[in-house]
PDB file of N, CA and C in Angstrom:
ATOM      1  N   MET A   1      18.472 -69.987  29.789  1.00  0.00           N
ATOM      2  CA  MET A   1      17.546 -70.500  28.804  1.00  0.00           C
ATOM      3  C   MET A   1      16.159 -69.976  29.154  1.00  0.00           C
ATOM      4  N   LEU A   2      15.441 -69.454  28.166  1.00  0.00           N
ATOM      5  CA  LEU A   2      14.107 -68.911  28.353  1.00  0.00           C
ATOM      6  C   LEU A   2      13.096 -69.796  27.651  1.00  0.00           C
ATOM      7  N   ASN A   3      12.190 -70.322  28.403  1.00  0.00           N
ATOM      8  CA  ASN A   3      11.111 -71.135  27.851  1.00  0.00           C
ATOM      9  C   ASN A   3       9.796 -70.469  28.230  1.00  0.00           C
ATOM     10  N   VAL A   4       9.027 -70.063  27.252  1.00  0.00           N
ATOM     11  CA  VAL A   4       7.781 -69.371  27.526  1.00  0.00           C
ATOM     12  C   VAL A   4       6.644 -70.063  26.792  1.00  0.00           C
ATOM     13  N   LYS A   5       5.601 -70.402  27.519  1.00  0.00           N
ATOM     14  CA  LYS A   5       4.346 -70.968  27.043  1.00  0.00           C
ATOM     15  C   LYS A   5       4.459 -72.272  26.268  1.00  0.00           C
ATOM     16  N   ARG A   6       5.260 -72.340  25.241  1.00  0.00           N
ATOM     17  CA  ARG A   6       5.286 -73.525  24.384  1.00  0.00           C
ATOM     18  C   ARG A   6       6.570 -74.325  24.526  1.00  0.00           C
ATOM     19  N   ASN A   7       7.309 -74.054  25.571  1.00  0.00           N
ATOM     20  CA  ASN A   7       8.529 -74.805  25.863  1.00  0.00           C
ATOM     21  C   ASN A   7       9.535 -74.755  24.706  1.00  0.00           C
ATOM     22  N   ILE A   8       9.735 -73.560  24.168  1.00  0.00           N
ATOM     23  CA  ILE A   8      10.672 -73.360  23.064  1.00  0.00           C
ATOM     24  C   ILE A   8      11.937 -72.729  23.626  1.00  0.00           C
ATOM     25  N   ASP A   9      13.067 -73.290  23.293  1.00  0.00           N
ATOM     26  CA  ASP A   9      14.349 -72.759  23.739  1.00  0.00           C
ATOM     27  C   ASP A   9      14.761 -71.636  22.795  1.00  0.00           C
ATOM     28  N   VAL A  10      14.556 -70.371  23.231  1.00  0.00           N
ATOM     29  CA  VAL A  10      14.851 -69.232  22.362  1.00  0.00           C
ATOM     30  C   VAL A  10      16.348 -68.954  22.253  1.00  0.00           C
ATOM     31  N   SER A  11      17.162 -69.582  23.076  1.00  0.00           N
ATOM     32  CA  SER A  11      18.607 -69.343  22.984  1.00  0.00           C
ATOM     33  C   SER A  11      19.179 -69.893  21.675  1.00  0.00           C
ATOM     34  N   LYS A  12      18.445 -70.751  21.006  1.00  0.00           N
ATOM     35  CA  LYS A  12      18.905 -71.292  19.721  1.00  0.00           C
ATOM     36  C   LYS A  12      18.666 -70.333  18.566  1.00  0.00           C
ATOM     37  N   PHE A  13      17.904 -69.279  18.786  1.00  0.00           N
ATOM     38  CA  PHE A  13      17.611 -68.286  17.753  1.00  0.00           C
ATOM     39  C   PHE A  13      18.628 -67.150  17.870  1.00  0.00           C
ATOM     40  N   TYR A  14      19.746 -67.322  17.222  1.00  0.00           N
ATOM     41  CA  TYR A  14      20.866 -66.399  17.377  1.00  0.00           C
ATOM     42  C   TYR A  14      20.559 -65.006  16.835  1.00  0.00           C
ATOM     43  N   LYS A  15      19.864 -64.924  15.722  1.00  0.00           N
ATOM     44  CA  LYS A  15      19.526 -63.606  15.165  1.00  0.00           C
ATOM     45  C   LYS A  15      18.575 -62.849  16.099  1.00  0.00           C
ATOM     46  N   LEU A  16      17.651 -63.566  16.699  1.00  0.00           N
ATOM     47  CA  LEU A  16      16.733 -62.936  17.644  1.00  0.00           C
ATOM     48  C   LEU A  16      17.494 -62.405  18.856  1.00  0.00           C
ATOM     49  N   SER A  17      18.417 -63.196  19.352  1.00  0.00           N
ATOM     50  CA  SER A  17      19.213 -62.789  20.502  1.00  0.00           C
ATOM     51  C   SER A  17      20.025 -61.533  20.190  1.00  0.00           C
ATOM     52  N   ALA A  18      20.638 -61.501  19.023  1.00  0.00           N
ATOM     53  CA  ALA A  18      21.428 -60.329  18.614  1.00  0.00           C
ATOM     54  C   ALA A  18      20.524 -59.112  18.444  1.00  0.00           C
ATOM     55  N   PHE A  19      19.349 -59.303  17.868  1.00  0.00           N
ATOM     56  CA  PHE A  19      18.400 -58.208  17.678  1.00  0.00           C
ATOM     57  C   PHE A  19      17.977 -57.624  19.026  1.00  0.00           C
ATOM     58  N   LEU A  20      17.643 -58.475  19.967  1.00  0.00           N
ATOM     59  CA  LEU A  20      17.220 -58.003  21.287  1.00  0.00           C
ATOM     60  C   LEU A  20      18.344 -57.275  22.020  1.00  0.00           C
ATOM     61  N   LYS A  21      19.579 -57.736  21.859  1.00  0.00           N
ATOM     62  CA  LYS A  21      20.712 -57.042  22.477  1.00  0.00           C
ATOM     63  C   LYS A  21      20.877 -55.637  21.899  1.00  0.00           C
ATOM     64  N   ARG A  22      20.722 -55.529  20.561  1.00  0.00           N
ATOM     65  CA  ARG A  22      20.839 -54.215  19.926  1.00  0.00           C
ATOM     66  C   ARG A  22      19.733 -53.281  20.393  1.00  0.00           C
ATOM     67  N   LYS A  23      18.527 -53.788  20.514  1.00  0.00           N
ATOM     68  CA  LYS A  23      17.389 -52.969  20.918  1.00  0.00           C
ATOM     69  C   LYS A  23      17.486 -52.511  22.377  1.00  0.00           C
ATOM     70  N   SER A  24      18.182 -53.255  23.201  1.00  0.00           N
ATOM     71  CA  SER A  24      18.246 -52.907  24.619  1.00  0.00           C
ATOM     72  C   SER A  24      19.405 -51.977  24.954  1.00  0.00           C
ATOM     73  N   GLU A  25      20.207 -51.594  23.978  1.00  0.00           N
ATOM     74  CA  GLU A  25      21.320 -50.691  24.243  1.00  0.00           C
ATOM     75  C   GLU A  25      20.806 -49.360  24.766  1.00  0.00           C
ATOM     76  N   GLY A  26      21.417 -48.871  25.830  1.00  0.00           N
ATOM     77  CA  GLY A  26      21.040 -47.587  26.399  1.00  0.00           C
ATOM     78  C   GLY A  26      19.846 -47.663  27.332  1.00  0.00           C
ATOM     79  N   TYR A  27      19.248 -48.822  27.485  1.00  0.00           N
ATOM     80  CA  TYR A  27      18.096 -48.965  28.367  1.00  0.00           C
ATOM     81  C   TYR A  27      18.556 -48.923  29.813  1.00  0.00           C
ATOM     82  N   LYS A  28      17.878 -48.103  30.602  1.00  0.00           N
ATOM     83  CA  LYS A  28      18.165 -48.035  32.031  1.00  0.00           C
ATOM     84  C   LYS A  28      16.878 -48.378  32.773  1.00  0.00           C
ATOM     85  N   PRO A  29      16.895 -49.449  33.545  1.00  0.00           N
ATOM     86  CA  PRO A  29      15.682 -49.793  34.293  1.00  0.00           C
ATOM     87  C   PRO A  29      15.396 -48.740  35.354  1.00  0.00           C
ATOM     88  N   LYS A  30      14.117 -48.517  35.586  1.00  0.00           N
ATOM     89  CA  LYS A  30      13.714 -47.548  36.610  1.00  0.00           C
ATOM     90  C   LYS A  30      13.742 -48.223  37.972  1.00  0.00           C
ATOM     91  N   ASN A  31      14.320 -47.535  38.929  1.00  0.00           N
ATOM     92  CA  ASN A  31      14.312 -48.037  40.291  1.00  0.00           C
ATOM     93  C   ASN A  31      13.055 -47.534  40.988  1.00  0.00           C
ATOM     94  N   ALA A  32      12.408 -48.393  41.740  1.00  0.00           N
ATOM     95  CA  ALA A  32      11.218 -47.998  42.475  1.00  0.00           C
ATOM     96  C   ALA A  32      11.597 -47.005  43.567  1.00  0.00           C
ATOM     97  N   LYS A  33      10.734 -46.023  43.760  1.00  0.00           N
ATOM     98  CA  LYS A  33      10.963 -45.066  44.829  1.00  0.00           C
ATOM     99  C   LYS A  33      10.570 -45.721  46.145  1.00  0.00           C
ATOM    100  N   VAL A  34      11.407 -45.568  47.143  1.00  0.00           N
ATOM    101  CA  VAL A  34      11.200 -46.211  48.438  1.00  0.00           C
ATOM    102  C   VAL A  34      11.080 -45.135  49.503  1.00  0.00           C
ATOM    103  N   LEU A  35      10.058 -45.269  50.347  1.00  0.00           N
ATOM    104  CA  LEU A  35       9.893 -44.337  51.453  1.00  0.00           C
ATOM    105  C   LEU A  35      10.787 -44.752  52.615  1.00  0.00           C
ATOM    106  N   THR A  36      11.340 -43.765  53.280  1.00  0.00           N
ATOM    107  CA  THR A  36      12.131 -44.052  54.479  1.00  0.00           C
ATOM    108  C   THR A  36      11.180 -44.209  55.668  1.00  0.00           C
ATOM    109  N   LEU A  37      11.676 -44.776  56.744  1.00  0.00           N
ATOM    110  CA  LEU A  37      10.874 -44.942  57.959  1.00  0.00           C
ATOM    111  C   LEU A  37      10.412 -43.594  58.491  1.00  0.00           C
ATOM    112  N   ASP A  38      11.278 -42.586  58.413  1.00  0.00           N
ATOM    113  CA  ASP A  38      10.906 -41.238  58.868  1.00  0.00           C
ATOM    114  C   ASP A  38       9.779 -40.659  58.018  1.00  0.00           C
ATOM    115  N   GLN A  39       9.827 -40.876  56.700  1.00  0.00           N
ATOM    116  CA  GLN A  39       8.772 -40.385  55.821  1.00  0.00           C
ATOM    117  C   GLN A  39       7.440 -41.073  56.113  1.00  0.00           C
ATOM    118  N   ILE A  40       7.485 -42.381  56.388  1.00  0.00           N
ATOM    119  CA  ILE A  40       6.266 -43.122  56.715  1.00  0.00           C
ATOM    120  C   ILE A  40       5.679 -42.601  58.023  1.00  0.00           C
ATOM    121  N   ASP A  41       6.529 -42.434  59.047  1.00  0.00           N
ATOM    122  CA  ASP A  41       6.068 -41.905  60.332  1.00  0.00           C
ATOM    123  C   ASP A  41       5.457 -40.521  60.180  1.00  0.00           C
ATOM    124  N   LYS A  42       6.133 -39.663  59.431  1.00  0.00           N
ATOM    125  CA  LYS A  42       5.641 -38.303  59.215  1.00  0.00           C
ATOM    126  C   LYS A  42       4.284 -38.325  58.519  1.00  0.00           C
ATOM    127  N   PHE A  43       4.135 -39.176  57.500  1.00  0.00           N
ATOM    128  CA  PHE A  43       2.867 -39.286  56.774  1.00  0.00           C
ATOM    129  C   PHE A  43       1.758 -39.762  57.706  1.00  0.00           C
ATOM    130  N   LEU A  44       2.025 -40.804  58.487  1.00  0.00           N
ATOM    131  CA  LEU A  44       0.992 -41.375  59.359  1.00  0.00           C
ATOM    132  C   LEU A  44       0.583 -40.409  60.466  1.00  0.00           C
ATOM    133  N   LEU A  45       1.528 -39.616  60.974  1.00  0.00           N
ATOM    134  CA  LEU A  45       1.240 -38.733  62.097  1.00  0.00           C
ATOM    135  C   LEU A  45       0.718 -37.357  61.685  1.00  0.00           C
ATOM    136  N   GLU A  46       1.183 -36.827  60.575  1.00  0.00           N
ATOM    137  CA  GLU A  46       0.886 -35.441  60.240  1.00  0.00           C
ATOM    138  C   GLU A  46      -0.221 -35.246  59.212  1.00  0.00           C
ATOM    139  N   VAL A  47      -0.441 -36.205  58.341  1.00  0.00           N
ATOM    140  CA  VAL A  47      -1.453 -36.043  57.299  1.00  0.00           C
ATOM    141  C   VAL A  47      -2.831 -36.315  57.901  1.00  0.00           C
ATOM    142  N   PRO A  48      -3.820 -35.464  57.595  1.00  0.00           N
ATOM    143  CA  PRO A  48      -5.145 -35.631  58.221  1.00  0.00           C
ATOM    144  C   PRO A  48      -5.845 -36.921  57.773  1.00  0.00           C
ATOM    145  N   ASP A  49      -6.430 -37.618  58.772  1.00  0.00           N
ATOM    146  CA  ASP A  49      -7.169 -38.846  58.482  1.00  0.00           C
ATOM    147  C   ASP A  49      -8.370 -38.585  57.578  1.00  0.00           C
ATOM    148  N   LYS A  50      -8.948 -37.406  57.710  1.00  0.00           N
ATOM    149  CA  LYS A  50     -10.148 -37.061  56.936  1.00  0.00           C
ATOM    150  C   LYS A  50      -9.929 -37.246  55.436  1.00  0.00           C
ATOM    151  N   ASP A  51      -8.755 -36.915  54.956  1.00  0.00           N
ATOM    152  CA  ASP A  51      -8.484 -36.972  53.518  1.00  0.00           C
ATOM    153  C   ASP A  51      -7.714 -38.219  53.093  1.00  0.00           C
ATOM    154  N   PHE A  52      -6.947 -38.828  54.008  1.00  0.00           N
ATOM    155  CA  PHE A  52      -6.024 -39.891  53.601  1.00  0.00           C
ATOM    156  C   PHE A  52      -6.144 -41.174  54.417  1.00  0.00           C
ATOM    157  N   LEU A  53      -7.286 -41.404  55.060  1.00  0.00           N
ATOM    158  CA  LEU A  53      -7.424 -42.575  55.910  1.00  0.00           C
ATOM    159  C   LEU A  53      -7.251 -43.879  55.131  1.00  0.00           C
ATOM    160  N   MET A  54      -7.851 -43.970  53.955  1.00  0.00           N
ATOM    161  CA  MET A  54      -7.749 -45.198  53.158  1.00  0.00           C
ATOM    162  C   MET A  54      -6.292 -45.480  52.766  1.00  0.00           C
ATOM    163  N   ILE A  55      -5.553 -44.464  52.420  1.00  0.00           N
ATOM    164  CA  ILE A  55      -4.153 -44.637  52.035  1.00  0.00           C
ATOM    165  C   ILE A  55      -3.322 -45.048  53.254  1.00  0.00           C
ATOM    166  N   LYS A  56      -3.631 -44.479  54.411  1.00  0.00           N
ATOM    167  CA  LYS A  56      -2.920 -44.853  55.635  1.00  0.00           C
ATOM    168  C   LYS A  56      -3.165 -46.322  55.978  1.00  0.00           C
ATOM    169  N   VAL A  57      -4.417 -46.765  55.872  1.00  0.00           N
ATOM    170  CA  VAL A  57      -4.747 -48.156  56.170  1.00  0.00           C
ATOM    171  C   VAL A  57      -4.027 -49.084  55.199  1.00  0.00           C
ATOM    172  N   ALA A  58      -4.041 -48.739  53.910  1.00  0.00           N
ATOM    173  CA  ALA A  58      -3.346 -49.560  52.914  1.00  0.00           C
ATOM    174  C   ALA A  58      -1.851 -49.610  53.201  1.00  0.00           C
ATOM    175  N   LEU A  59      -1.280 -48.495  53.616  1.00  0.00           N
ATOM    176  CA  LEU A  59       0.144 -48.450  53.965  1.00  0.00           C
ATOM    177  C   LEU A  59       0.441 -49.361  55.157  1.00  0.00           C
ATOM    178  N   ILE A  60      -0.383 -49.275  56.188  1.00  0.00           N
ATOM    179  CA  ILE A  60      -0.159 -50.098  57.379  1.00  0.00           C
ATOM    180  C   ILE A  60      -0.322 -51.579  57.041  1.00  0.00           C
ATOM    181  N   PHE A  61      -1.375 -51.921  56.301  1.00  0.00           N
ATOM    182  CA  PHE A  61      -1.571 -53.318  55.908  1.00  0.00           C
ATOM    183  C   PHE A  61      -0.422 -53.795  55.037  1.00  0.00           C
ATOM    184  N   GLY A  62       0.013 -52.965  54.113  1.00  0.00           N
ATOM    185  CA  GLY A  62       1.091 -53.351  53.210  1.00  0.00           C
ATOM    186  C   GLY A  62       2.407 -53.574  53.925  1.00  0.00           C
ATOM    187  N   VAL A  63       2.733 -52.694  54.858  1.00  0.00           N
ATOM    188  CA  VAL A  63       4.004 -52.806  55.577  1.00  0.00           C
ATOM    189  C   VAL A  63       3.935 -53.877  56.665  1.00  0.00           C
ATOM    190  N   ALA A  64       2.921 -53.802  57.515  1.00  0.00           N
ATOM    191  CA  ALA A  64       2.820 -54.734  58.638  1.00  0.00           C
ATOM    192  C   ALA A  64       2.494 -56.149  58.170  1.00  0.00           C
ATOM    193  N   GLY A  65       1.698 -56.252  57.121  1.00  0.00           N
ATOM    194  CA  GLY A  65       1.319 -57.569  56.617  1.00  0.00           C
ATOM    195  C   GLY A  65       2.214 -58.071  55.511  1.00  0.00           C
ATOM    196  N   ALA A  66       3.209 -57.277  55.146  1.00  0.00           N
ATOM    197  CA  ALA A  66       4.117 -57.613  54.046  1.00  0.00           C
ATOM    198  C   ALA A  66       3.315 -58.016  52.808  1.00  0.00           C
ATOM    199  N   CYS A  67       2.299 -57.219  52.507  1.00  0.00           N
ATOM    200  CA  CYS A  67       1.408 -57.522  51.381  1.00  0.00           C
ATOM    201  C   CYS A  67       1.929 -56.926  50.085  1.00  0.00           C
ATOM    202  N   ARG A  68       1.718 -57.644  49.013  1.00  0.00           N
ATOM    203  CA  ARG A  68       1.981 -57.119  47.681  1.00  0.00           C
ATOM    204  C   ARG A  68       0.741 -56.375  47.214  1.00  0.00           C
ATOM    205  N   GLY A  69       0.886 -55.629  46.139  1.00  0.00           N
ATOM    206  CA  GLY A  69      -0.236 -54.853  45.620  1.00  0.00           C
ATOM    207  C   GLY A  69      -1.448 -55.709  45.292  1.00  0.00           C
ATOM    208  N   LYS A  70      -1.217 -56.837  44.672  1.00  0.00           N
ATOM    209  CA  LYS A  70      -2.319 -57.721  44.296  1.00  0.00           C
ATOM    210  C   LYS A  70      -2.999 -58.286  45.536  1.00  0.00           C
ATOM    211  N   GLU A  71      -2.223 -58.588  46.570  1.00  0.00           N
ATOM    212  CA  GLU A  71      -2.791 -59.097  47.812  1.00  0.00           C
ATOM    213  C   GLU A  71      -3.640 -58.028  48.503  1.00  0.00           C
ATOM    214  N   LEU A  72      -3.169 -56.783  48.484  1.00  0.00           N
ATOM    215  CA  LEU A  72      -3.961 -55.688  49.048  1.00  0.00           C
ATOM    216  C   LEU A  72      -5.261 -55.515  48.278  1.00  0.00           C
ATOM    217  N   HIS A  73      -5.167 -55.623  46.966  1.00  0.00           N
ATOM    218  CA  HIS A  73      -6.348 -55.454  46.112  1.00  0.00           C
ATOM    219  C   HIS A  73      -7.384 -56.534  46.380  1.00  0.00           C
ATOM    220  N   GLN A  74      -6.955 -57.751  46.664  1.00  0.00           N
ATOM    221  CA  GLN A  74      -7.875 -58.860  46.869  1.00  0.00           C
ATOM    222  C   GLN A  74      -8.286 -59.042  48.334  1.00  0.00           C
ATOM    223  N   LEU A  75      -7.792 -58.188  49.215  1.00  0.00           N
ATOM    224  CA  LEU A  75      -8.101 -58.284  50.629  1.00  0.00           C
ATOM    225  C   LEU A  75      -9.568 -57.924  50.876  1.00  0.00           C
ATOM    226  N   THR A  76     -10.262 -58.730  51.678  1.00  0.00           N
ATOM    227  CA  THR A  76     -11.650 -58.456  52.038  1.00  0.00           C
ATOM    228  C   THR A  76     -11.760 -58.337  53.549  1.00  0.00           C
ATOM    229  N   ILE A  77     -12.893 -57.867  54.009  1.00  0.00           N
ATOM    230  CA  ILE A  77     -13.098 -57.701  55.445  1.00  0.00           C
ATOM    231  C   ILE A  77     -13.022 -59.041  56.168  1.00  0.00           C
ATOM    232  N   SER A  78     -13.469 -60.103  55.522  1.00  0.00           N
ATOM    233  CA  SER A  78     -13.425 -61.417  56.172  1.00  0.00           C
ATOM    234  C   SER A  78     -11.991 -61.921  56.361  1.00  0.00           C
ATOM    235  N   ASP A  79     -11.019 -61.305  55.682  1.00  0.00           N
ATOM    236  CA  ASP A  79      -9.611 -61.684  55.845  1.00  0.00           C
ATOM    237  C   ASP A  79      -8.975 -61.048  57.081  1.00  0.00           C
ATOM    238  N   VAL A  80      -9.663 -60.082  57.683  1.00  0.00           N
ATOM    239  CA  VAL A  80      -9.118 -59.343  58.820  1.00  0.00           C
ATOM    240  C   VAL A  80      -9.875 -59.741  60.085  1.00  0.00           C
ATOM    241  N   THR A  81      -9.141 -60.129  61.105  1.00  0.00           N
ATOM    242  CA  THR A  81      -9.731 -60.491  62.384  1.00  0.00           C
ATOM    243  C   THR A  81      -9.242 -59.517  63.446  1.00  0.00           C
ATOM    244  N   ASP A  82     -10.169 -58.931  64.180  1.00  0.00           N
ATOM    245  CA  ASP A  82      -9.807 -58.010  65.258  1.00  0.00           C
ATOM    246  C   ASP A  82      -9.444 -58.837  66.487  1.00  0.00           C
ATOM    247  N   MET A  83      -8.211 -58.723  66.907  1.00  0.00           N
ATOM    248  CA  MET A  83      -7.734 -59.433  68.089  1.00  0.00           C
ATOM    249  C   MET A  83      -7.561 -58.381  69.183  1.00  0.00           C
ATOM    250  N   ASP A  84      -8.287 -58.528  70.279  1.00  0.00           N
ATOM    251  CA  ASP A  84      -8.231 -57.521  71.340  1.00  0.00           C
ATOM    252  C   ASP A  84      -6.819 -57.315  71.879  1.00  0.00           C
ATOM    253  N   HIS A  85      -6.062 -58.392  72.003  1.00  0.00           N
ATOM    254  CA  HIS A  85      -4.726 -58.297  72.584  1.00  0.00           C
ATOM    255  C   HIS A  85      -3.645 -58.049  71.530  1.00  0.00           C
ATOM    256  N   ALA A  86      -4.000 -58.117  70.264  1.00  0.00           N
ATOM    257  CA  ALA A  86      -3.034 -57.870  69.182  1.00  0.00           C
ATOM    258  C   ALA A  86      -3.606 -56.802  68.262  1.00  0.00           C
ATOM    259  N   LEU A  87      -2.819 -56.347  67.336  1.00  0.00           N
ATOM    260  CA  LEU A  87      -3.314 -55.327  66.414  1.00  0.00           C
ATOM    261  C   LEU A  87      -4.338 -55.911  65.446  1.00  0.00           C
ATOM    262  N   LEU A  88      -3.877 -56.750  64.560  1.00  0.00           N
ATOM    263  CA  LEU A  88      -4.729 -57.343  63.524  1.00  0.00           C
ATOM    264  C   LEU A  88      -4.184 -58.698  63.155  1.00  0.00           C
ATOM    265  N   MET A  89      -5.039 -59.503  62.619  1.00  0.00           N
ATOM    266  CA  MET A  89      -4.583 -60.758  62.039  1.00  0.00           C
ATOM    267  C   MET A  89      -5.117 -60.807  60.618  1.00  0.00           C
ATOM    268  N   LEU A  90      -4.222 -60.938  59.659  1.00  0.00           N
ATOM    269  CA  LEU A  90      -4.605 -61.014  58.255  1.00  0.00           C
ATOM    270  C   LEU A  90      -4.465 -62.447  57.775  1.00  0.00           C
ATOM    271  N   GLU A  91      -5.477 -62.926  57.102  1.00  0.00           N
ATOM    272  CA  GLU A  91      -5.394 -64.250  56.478  1.00  0.00           C
ATOM    273  C   GLU A  91      -5.325 -64.017  54.981  1.00  0.00           C
ATOM    274  N   ILE A  92      -4.116 -64.088  54.455  1.00  0.00           N
ATOM    275  CA  ILE A  92      -3.915 -63.816  53.038  1.00  0.00           C
ATOM    276  C   ILE A  92      -3.709 -65.127  52.318  1.00  0.00           C
ATOM    277  N   GLN A  93      -4.569 -65.365  51.339  1.00  0.00           N
ATOM    278  CA  GLN A  93      -4.466 -66.581  50.550  1.00  0.00           C
ATOM    279  C   GLN A  93      -3.307 -66.447  49.568  1.00  0.00           C
ATOM    280  N   LYS A  94      -2.692 -67.558  49.244  1.00  0.00           N
ATOM    281  CA  LYS A  94      -1.627 -67.545  48.249  1.00  0.00           C
ATOM    282  C   LYS A  94      -2.224 -67.184  46.901  1.00  0.00           C
ATOM    283  N   ILE A  95      -1.637 -66.208  46.259  1.00  0.00           N
ATOM    284  CA  ILE A  95      -2.169 -65.701  44.993  1.00  0.00           C
ATOM    285  C   ILE A  95      -1.313 -66.239  43.854  1.00  0.00           C
ATOM    286  N   MET A  96      -1.947 -66.826  42.906  1.00  0.00           N
ATOM    287  CA  MET A  96      -1.240 -67.354  41.733  1.00  0.00           C
ATOM    288  C   MET A  96      -1.302 -66.358  40.614  1.00  0.00           C
TER     289      MET A  96
END
């Protein structure tokens, strides 16, 4: 059952359901491209920092911090704490 915004049960609209099924025929969802661990290592080690430092930092924060795109976008310097004995500490607020 799908209820969106106005709490309407769209499963009762049989013509709409049939129309949407017809329109979705042949649709193939795109799978996200995933980097392998070897590709990530190669990128971090071989690509020059001069040109790609920001992308490397975003990659490390995204992977190590398990951040989503929106969380990376909203990340500020005050969210990052330099811990001498650890790498980094990220304080990520729950995003609605």
